[in-house]
Amino acid sequence: MGDEAIILKAGDGILVPEGVLHSAEVVGVEAVISVDTPKM
């Protein structure tokens, strides 16, 4: 978010507040199963 970069590992997660612009990029060879989940 913003200029901040966060590298997530298997099982990690991050809370992105509603309305905040963000992006994600896969930086490895393994497939990503999910990068977006509904609010819990």
C-alpha atoms as a PDB file:
ATOM      1  CA  MET A   1       0.000   0.000   0.000  1.00  0.00           C
ATOM      2  CA  GLY A   2       1.498   3.253  -1.019  1.00  0.00           C
ATOM      3  CA  ASP A   3       5.257   2.872  -1.402  1.00  0.00           C
ATOM      4  CA  GLU A   4       5.417   0.078   1.181  1.00  0.00           C
ATOM      5  CA  ALA A   5       6.375  -3.419   0.003  1.00  0.00           C
ATOM      6  CA  ILE A   6       5.490  -6.492   2.061  1.00  0.00           C
ATOM      7  CA  ILE A   7       6.643 -10.005   1.169  1.00  0.00           C
ATOM      8  CA  LEU A   8       4.172 -12.646   2.332  1.00  0.00           C
ATOM      9  CA  LYS A   9       5.058 -16.293   2.884  1.00  0.00           C
ATOM     10  CA  ALA A  10       2.800 -19.348   2.936  1.00  0.00           C
ATOM     11  CA  GLY A  11       0.031 -18.843   5.493  1.00  0.00           C
ATOM     12  CA  ASP A  12       0.624 -15.084   5.852  1.00  0.00           C
ATOM     13  CA  GLY A  13      -2.057 -12.496   5.285  1.00  0.00           C
ATOM     14  CA  ILE A  14      -2.500  -8.746   5.296  1.00  0.00           C
ATOM     15  CA  LEU A  15      -5.478  -6.539   6.112  1.00  0.00           C
ATOM     16  CA  VAL A  16      -6.123  -3.924   3.444  1.00  0.00           C
ATOM     17  CA  PRO A  17      -8.608  -1.295   4.627  1.00  0.00           C
ATOM     18  CA  GLU A  18     -11.628  -0.731   2.401  1.00  0.00           C
ATOM     19  CA  GLY A  19     -11.034   1.835  -0.318  1.00  0.00           C
ATOM     20  CA  VAL A  20      -7.225   1.701  -0.138  1.00  0.00           C
ATOM     21  CA  LEU A  21      -5.537   1.289  -3.525  1.00  0.00           C
ATOM     22  CA  HIS A  22      -3.187  -1.697  -3.529  1.00  0.00           C
ATOM     23  CA  SER A  23      -1.637  -4.300  -5.800  1.00  0.00           C
ATOM     24  CA  ALA A  24      -0.023  -7.721  -5.552  1.00  0.00           C
ATOM     25  CA  GLU A  25       2.696  -9.467  -7.519  1.00  0.00           C
ATOM     26  CA  VAL A  26       3.829 -13.100  -7.445  1.00  0.00           C
ATOM     27  CA  VAL A  27       7.617 -13.165  -7.004  1.00  0.00           C
ATOM     28  CA  GLY A  28       8.262 -16.914  -7.005  1.00  0.00           C
ATOM     29  CA  VAL A  29       7.639 -20.012  -9.076  1.00  0.00           C
ATOM     30  CA  GLU A  30       4.799 -21.452  -6.966  1.00  0.00           C
ATOM     31  CA  ALA A  31       1.187 -20.681  -7.878  1.00  0.00           C
ATOM     32  CA  VAL A  32      -0.877 -18.311  -5.749  1.00  0.00           C
ATOM     33  CA  ILE A  33      -4.206 -19.836  -4.765  1.00  0.00           C
ATOM     34  CA  SER A  34      -5.866 -16.684  -3.405  1.00  0.00           C
ATOM     35  CA  VAL A  35      -4.870 -13.060  -2.910  1.00  0.00           C
ATOM     36  CA  ASP A  36      -8.308 -11.624  -2.066  1.00  0.00           C
ATOM     37  CA  THR A  37     -10.854 -12.801   0.514  1.00  0.00           C
ATOM     38  CA  PRO A  38     -14.131 -11.388   1.774  1.00  0.00           C
ATOM     39  CA  LYS A  39     -14.313  -9.447   5.025  1.00  0.00           C
ATOM     40  CA  MET A  40     -14.613 -11.802   7.964  1.00  0.00           C
END
